[in-house]
Amino acid sequence: MLVKYWIVGGQYTNTDFDELIGGKAEVRGPYRERDDAVQAWRRLASATRHDCLARYSIAEEVERR
């Protein structure tokens, strides 16, 4: 089993976080280790902490072989 981690999110049109500006999410990764994804997410979240319309999360993809 192979696990990949992705950072997904972006700028939303409102604080309900139900519609992304431009309709497309930013996707960063993949990261092989969760700790690497968390560090990258922290940097991104810190850089956008003053923007109430930005939201990012870590998604996990499990690939079964």
PDB file of N, CA and C in Angstrom:
ATOM      1  N   MET A   1       0.846  -1.177   0.000  1.00  0.00           N
ATOM      2  CA  MET A   1       0.000   0.000   0.000  1.00  0.00           C
ATOM      3  C   MET A   1       0.894   1.245   0.000  1.00  0.00           C
ATOM      4  N   LEU A   2       0.601   2.156  -0.900  1.00  0.00           N
ATOM      5  CA  LEU A   2       1.342   3.405  -1.029  1.00  0.00           C
ATOM      6  C   LEU A   2       0.424   4.548  -0.618  1.00  0.00           C
ATOM      7  N   VAL A   3       0.910   5.419   0.259  1.00  0.00           N
ATOM      8  CA  VAL A   3       0.118   6.565   0.702  1.00  0.00           C
ATOM      9  C   VAL A   3       0.788   7.840   0.220  1.00  0.00           C
ATOM     10  N   LYS A   4      -0.014   8.718  -0.387  1.00  0.00           N
ATOM     11  CA  LYS A   4       0.453  10.033  -0.822  1.00  0.00           C
ATOM     12  C   LYS A   4      -0.380  11.079  -0.103  1.00  0.00           C
ATOM     13  N   TYR A   5       0.254  12.206   0.194  1.00  0.00           N
ATOM     14  CA  TYR A   5      -0.429  13.306   0.862  1.00  0.00           C
ATOM     15  C   TYR A   5      -0.402  14.529  -0.049  1.00  0.00           C
ATOM     16  N   TRP A   6      -1.515  15.235  -0.082  1.00  0.00           N
ATOM     17  CA  TRP A   6      -1.681  16.405  -0.935  1.00  0.00           C
ATOM     18  C   TRP A   6      -2.203  17.553  -0.097  1.00  0.00           C
ATOM     19  N   ILE A   7      -1.807  18.782  -0.438  1.00  0.00           N
ATOM     20  CA  ILE A   7      -2.395  19.978   0.163  1.00  0.00           C
ATOM     21  C   ILE A   7      -3.380  20.530  -0.859  1.00  0.00           C
ATOM     22  N   VAL A   8      -4.619  20.726  -0.416  1.00  0.00           N
ATOM     23  CA  VAL A   8      -5.693  21.146  -1.303  1.00  0.00           C
ATOM     24  C   VAL A   8      -6.405  22.344  -0.694  1.00  0.00           C
ATOM     25  N   GLY A   9      -6.737  23.329  -1.515  1.00  0.00           N
ATOM     26  CA  GLY A   9      -7.493  24.475  -1.011  1.00  0.00           C
ATOM     27  C   GLY A   9      -7.314  25.666  -1.906  1.00  0.00           C
ATOM     28  N   GLY A  10      -7.444  26.843  -1.305  1.00  0.00           N
ATOM     29  CA  GLY A  10      -7.272  28.063  -2.065  1.00  0.00           C
ATOM     30  C   GLY A  10      -8.088  29.198  -1.497  1.00  0.00           C
ATOM     31  N   GLN A  11      -8.419  30.132  -2.362  1.00  0.00           N
ATOM     32  CA  GLN A  11      -9.191  31.321  -2.015  1.00  0.00           C
ATOM     33  C   GLN A  11     -10.667  31.053  -2.300  1.00  0.00           C
ATOM     34  N   TYR A  12     -11.501  31.307  -1.319  1.00  0.00           N
ATOM     35  CA  TYR A  12     -12.936  31.073  -1.455  1.00  0.00           C
ATOM     36  C   TYR A  12     -13.677  32.390  -1.625  1.00  0.00           C
ATOM     37  N   THR A  13     -14.898  32.290  -2.138  1.00  0.00           N
ATOM     38  CA  THR A  13     -15.700  33.491  -2.390  1.00  0.00           C
ATOM     39  C   THR A  13     -16.349  34.033  -1.123  1.00  0.00           C
ATOM     40  N   ASN A  14     -16.469  33.184  -0.084  1.00  0.00           N
ATOM     41  CA  ASN A  14     -17.086  33.617   1.173  1.00  0.00           C
ATOM     42  C   ASN A  14     -16.606  32.726   2.318  1.00  0.00           C
ATOM     43  N   THR A  15     -16.992  33.069   3.522  1.00  0.00           N
ATOM     44  CA  THR A  15     -16.535  32.314   4.685  1.00  0.00           C
ATOM     45  C   THR A  15     -17.346  31.049   4.953  1.00  0.00           C
ATOM     46  N   ASP A  16     -18.260  30.709   4.063  1.00  0.00           N
ATOM     47  CA  ASP A  16     -18.892  29.387   4.130  1.00  0.00           C
ATOM     48  C   ASP A  16     -17.973  28.337   3.494  1.00  0.00           C
ATOM     49  N   PHE A  17     -16.959  28.786   2.780  1.00  0.00           N
ATOM     50  CA  PHE A  17     -15.963  27.929   2.119  1.00  0.00           C
ATOM     51  C   PHE A  17     -16.629  26.886   1.227  1.00  0.00           C
ATOM     52  N   ASP A  18     -17.644  27.315   0.476  1.00  0.00           N
ATOM     53  CA  ASP A  18     -18.350  26.385  -0.390  1.00  0.00           C
ATOM     54  C   ASP A  18     -18.089  26.614  -1.874  1.00  0.00           C
ATOM     55  N   GLU A  19     -17.382  27.695  -2.217  1.00  0.00           N
ATOM     56  CA  GLU A  19     -17.090  27.972  -3.628  1.00  0.00           C
ATOM     57  C   GLU A  19     -15.722  28.636  -3.751  1.00  0.00           C
ATOM     58  N   LEU A  20     -14.849  27.964  -4.496  1.00  0.00           N
ATOM     59  CA  LEU A  20     -13.514  28.513  -4.725  1.00  0.00           C
ATOM     60  C   LEU A  20     -13.560  29.607  -5.775  1.00  0.00           C
ATOM     61  N   ILE A  21     -12.749  30.641  -5.588  1.00  0.00           N
ATOM     62  CA  ILE A  21     -12.616  31.671  -6.605  1.00  0.00           C
ATOM     63  C   ILE A  21     -12.010  31.019  -7.847  1.00  0.00           C
ATOM     64  N   GLY A  22     -12.648  31.199  -8.970  1.00  0.00           N
ATOM     65  CA  GLY A  22     -12.187  30.580 -10.205  1.00  0.00           C
ATOM     66  C   GLY A  22     -12.631  29.135 -10.363  1.00  0.00           C
ATOM     67  N   GLY A  23     -13.240  28.566  -9.326  1.00  0.00           N
ATOM     68  CA  GLY A  23     -13.778  27.213  -9.410  1.00  0.00           C
ATOM     69  C   GLY A  23     -12.770  26.084  -9.330  1.00  0.00           C
ATOM     70  N   LYS A  24     -11.489  26.404  -9.158  1.00  0.00           N
ATOM     71  CA  LYS A  24     -10.468  25.361  -9.113  1.00  0.00           C
ATOM     72  C   LYS A  24      -9.646  25.460  -7.846  1.00  0.00           C
ATOM     73  N   ALA A  25      -9.389  24.315  -7.240  1.00  0.00           N
ATOM     74  CA  ALA A  25      -8.556  24.254  -6.041  1.00  0.00           C
ATOM     75  C   ALA A  25      -7.076  24.251  -6.423  1.00  0.00           C
ATOM     76  N   GLU A  26      -6.274  24.814  -5.552  1.00  0.00           N
ATOM     77  CA  GLU A  26      -4.821  24.665  -5.664  1.00  0.00           C
ATOM     78  C   GLU A  26      -4.482  23.291  -5.096  1.00  0.00           C
ATOM     79  N   VAL A  27      -3.593  22.577  -5.763  1.00  0.00           N
ATOM     80  CA  VAL A  27      -3.164  21.266  -5.289  1.00  0.00           C
ATOM     81  C   VAL A  27      -1.648  21.265  -5.250  1.00  0.00           C
ATOM     82  N   ARG A  28      -1.111  20.896  -4.116  1.00  0.00           N
ATOM     83  CA  ARG A  28       0.355  20.823  -3.967  1.00  0.00           C
ATOM     84  C   ARG A  28       0.714  19.438  -3.478  1.00  0.00           C
ATOM     85  N   GLY A  29       1.786  18.918  -4.009  1.00  0.00           N
ATOM     86  CA  GLY A  29       2.219  17.588  -3.619  1.00  0.00           C
ATOM     87  C   GLY A  29       2.462  16.758  -4.866  1.00  0.00           C
ATOM     88  N   PRO A  30       2.622  15.498  -4.720  1.00  0.00           N
ATOM     89  CA  PRO A  30       2.388  14.692  -3.527  1.00  0.00           C
ATOM     90  C   PRO A  30       3.583  14.690  -2.586  1.00  0.00           C
ATOM     91  N   TYR A  31       3.271  14.380  -1.343  1.00  0.00           N
ATOM     92  CA  TYR A  31       4.282  14.195  -0.304  1.00  0.00           C
ATOM     93  C   TYR A  31       4.201  12.737   0.127  1.00  0.00           C
ATOM     94  N   ARG A  32       5.342  12.113   0.277  1.00  0.00           N
ATOM     95  CA  ARG A  32       5.372  10.706   0.684  1.00  0.00           C
ATOM     96  C   ARG A  32       5.175  10.544   2.186  1.00  0.00           C
ATOM     97  N   GLU A  33       5.587  11.528   2.948  1.00  0.00           N
ATOM     98  CA  GLU A  33       5.481  11.464   4.408  1.00  0.00           C
ATOM     99  C   GLU A  33       4.492  12.501   4.904  1.00  0.00           C
ATOM    100  N   ARG A  34       3.647  12.116   5.843  1.00  0.00           N
ATOM    101  CA  ARG A  34       2.659  13.041   6.394  1.00  0.00           C
ATOM    102  C   ARG A  34       3.353  14.243   7.043  1.00  0.00           C
ATOM    103  N   ASP A  35       4.456  14.007   7.727  1.00  0.00           N
ATOM    104  CA  ASP A  35       5.178  15.114   8.373  1.00  0.00           C
ATOM    105  C   ASP A  35       5.626  16.167   7.355  1.00  0.00           C
ATOM    106  N   ASP A  36       6.050  15.737   6.180  1.00  0.00           N
ATOM    107  CA  ASP A  36       6.439  16.693   5.130  1.00  0.00           C
ATOM    108  C   ASP A  36       5.237  17.506   4.668  1.00  0.00           C
ATOM    109  N   ALA A  37       4.084  16.841   4.522  1.00  0.00           N
ATOM    110  CA  ALA A  37       2.861  17.538   4.127  1.00  0.00           C
ATOM    111  C   ALA A  37       2.429  18.528   5.202  1.00  0.00           C
ATOM    112  N   VAL A  38       2.543  18.139   6.455  1.00  0.00           N
ATOM    113  CA  VAL A  38       2.162  19.030   7.559  1.00  0.00           C
ATOM    114  C   VAL A  38       3.063  20.257   7.588  1.00  0.00           C
ATOM    115  N   GLN A  39       4.353  20.068   7.395  1.00  0.00           N
ATOM    116  CA  GLN A  39       5.276  21.209   7.371  1.00  0.00           C
ATOM    117  C   GLN A  39       4.947  22.157   6.226  1.00  0.00           C
ATOM    118  N   ALA A  40       4.668  21.606   5.049  1.00  0.00           N
ATOM    119  CA  ALA A  40       4.319  22.443   3.891  1.00  0.00           C
ATOM    120  C   ALA A  40       2.988  23.151   4.134  1.00  0.00           C
ATOM    121  N   TRP A  41       2.019  22.450   4.719  1.00  0.00           N
ATOM    122  CA  TRP A  41       0.719  23.057   5.039  1.00  0.00           C
ATOM    123  C   TRP A  41       0.894  24.206   6.037  1.00  0.00           C
ATOM    124  N   ARG A  42       1.734  24.011   7.051  1.00  0.00           N
ATOM    125  CA  ARG A  42       1.977  25.071   8.043  1.00  0.00           C
ATOM    126  C   ARG A  42       2.568  26.317   7.402  1.00  0.00           C
ATOM    127  N   ARG A  43       3.512  26.127   6.477  1.00  0.00           N
ATOM    128  CA  ARG A  43       4.097  27.276   5.780  1.00  0.00           C
ATOM    129  C   ARG A  43       3.029  28.014   4.974  1.00  0.00           C
ATOM    130  N   LEU A  44       2.213  27.282   4.250  1.00  0.00           N
ATOM    131  CA  LEU A  44       1.159  27.871   3.432  1.00  0.00           C
ATOM    132  C   LEU A  44       0.092  28.539   4.301  1.00  0.00           C
ATOM    133  N   ALA A  45      -0.327  27.862   5.351  1.00  0.00           N
ATOM    134  CA  ALA A  45      -1.328  28.432   6.254  1.00  0.00           C
ATOM    135  C   ALA A  45      -0.796  29.688   6.939  1.00  0.00           C
ATOM    136  N   SER A  46       0.462  29.678   7.296  1.00  0.00           N
ATOM    137  CA  SER A  46       1.072  30.850   7.929  1.00  0.00           C
ATOM    138  C   SER A  46       1.138  32.024   6.952  1.00  0.00           C
ATOM    139  N   ALA A  47       1.450  31.729   5.704  1.00  0.00           N
ATOM    140  CA  ALA A  47       1.555  32.795   4.702  1.00  0.00           C
ATOM    141  C   ALA A  47       0.198  33.423   4.390  1.00  0.00           C
ATOM    142  N   THR A  48      -0.895  32.703   4.638  1.00  0.00           N
ATOM    143  CA  THR A  48      -2.232  33.211   4.323  1.00  0.00           C
ATOM    144  C   THR A  48      -3.074  33.436   5.577  1.00  0.00           C
ATOM    145  N   ARG A  49      -2.452  33.480   6.747  1.00  0.00           N
ATOM    146  CA  ARG A  49      -3.204  33.565   8.007  1.00  0.00           C
ATOM    147  C   ARG A  49      -4.026  34.849   8.141  1.00  0.00           C
ATOM    148  N   HIS A  50      -3.676  35.898   7.429  1.00  0.00           N
ATOM    149  CA  HIS A  50      -4.425  37.149   7.508  1.00  0.00           C
ATOM    150  C   HIS A  50      -5.538  37.230   6.467  1.00  0.00           C
ATOM    151  N   ASP A  51      -5.690  36.187   5.690  1.00  0.00           N
ATOM    152  CA  ASP A  51      -6.720  36.153   4.652  1.00  0.00           C
ATOM    153  C   ASP A  51      -7.844  35.220   5.110  1.00  0.00           C
ATOM    154  N   CYS A  52      -8.961  35.796   5.532  1.00  0.00           N
ATOM    155  CA  CYS A  52     -10.051  34.989   6.081  1.00  0.00           C
ATOM    156  C   CYS A  52     -10.748  34.138   5.018  1.00  0.00           C
ATOM    157  N   LEU A  53     -10.445  34.335   3.759  1.00  0.00           N
ATOM    158  CA  LEU A  53     -11.078  33.557   2.701  1.00  0.00           C
ATOM    159  C   LEU A  53     -10.188  32.428   2.172  1.00  0.00           C
ATOM    160  N   ALA A  54      -9.028  32.238   2.777  1.00  0.00           N
ATOM    161  CA  ALA A  54      -8.122  31.171   2.362  1.00  0.00           C
ATOM    162  C   ALA A  54      -8.267  29.980   3.301  1.00  0.00           C
ATOM    163  N   ARG A  55      -8.307  28.810   2.718  1.00  0.00           N
ATOM    164  CA  ARG A  55      -8.387  27.596   3.531  1.00  0.00           C
ATOM    165  C   ARG A  55      -7.675  26.480   2.788  1.00  0.00           C
ATOM    166  N   TYR A  56      -6.861  25.732   3.523  1.00  0.00           N
ATOM    167  CA  TYR A  56      -6.117  24.609   2.975  1.00  0.00           C
ATOM    168  C   TYR A  56      -6.231  23.426   3.923  1.00  0.00           C
ATOM    169  N   SER A  57      -6.196  22.233   3.360  1.00  0.00           N
ATOM    170  CA  SER A  57      -6.217  21.030   4.181  1.00  0.00           C
ATOM    171  C   SER A  57      -5.324  19.975   3.547  1.00  0.00           C
ATOM    172  N   ILE A  58      -5.053  18.934   4.303  1.00  0.00           N
ATOM    173  CA  ILE A  58      -4.231  17.832   3.820  1.00  0.00           C
ATOM    174  C   ILE A  58      -5.154  16.673   3.471  1.00  0.00           C
ATOM    175  N   ALA A  59      -5.019  16.180   2.249  1.00  0.00           N
ATOM    176  CA  ALA A  59      -5.790  15.026   1.792  1.00  0.00           C
ATOM    177  C   ALA A  59      -4.848  13.835   1.665  1.00  0.00           C
ATOM    178  N   GLU A  60      -5.373  12.669   1.949  1.00  0.00           N
ATOM    179  CA  GLU A  60      -4.596  11.434   1.888  1.00  0.00           C
ATOM    180  C   GLU A  60      -5.125  10.553   0.752  1.00  0.00           C
ATOM    181  N   GLU A  61      -4.216  10.070  -0.056  1.00  0.00           N
ATOM    182  CA  GLU A  61      -4.574   9.154  -1.144  1.00  0.00           C
ATOM    183  C   GLU A  61      -3.910   7.807  -0.873  1.00  0.00           C
ATOM    184  N   VAL A  62      -4.692   6.779  -0.801  1.00  0.00           N
ATOM    185  CA  VAL A  62      -4.170   5.436  -0.563  1.00  0.00           C
ATOM    186  C   VAL A  62      -4.253   4.658  -1.866  1.00  0.00           C
ATOM    187  N   GLU A  63      -3.108   4.183  -2.304  1.00  0.00           N
ATOM    188  CA  GLU A  63      -3.026   3.411  -3.546  1.00  0.00           C
ATOM    189  C   GLU A  63      -2.744   1.958  -3.167  1.00  0.00           C
ATOM    190  N   ARG A  64      -3.672   1.127  -3.464  1.00  0.00           N
ATOM    191  CA  ARG A  64      -3.497  -0.304  -3.154  1.00  0.00           C
ATOM    192  C   ARG A  64      -2.888  -0.994  -4.352  1.00  0.00           C
ATOM    193  N   ARG A  65      -1.906  -1.798  -4.076  1.00  0.00           N
ATOM    194  CA  ARG A  65      -1.212  -2.499  -5.170  1.00  0.00           C
ATOM    195  C   ARG A  65      -1.507  -3.968  -5.131  1.00  0.00           C
TER     196      ARG A  65
END
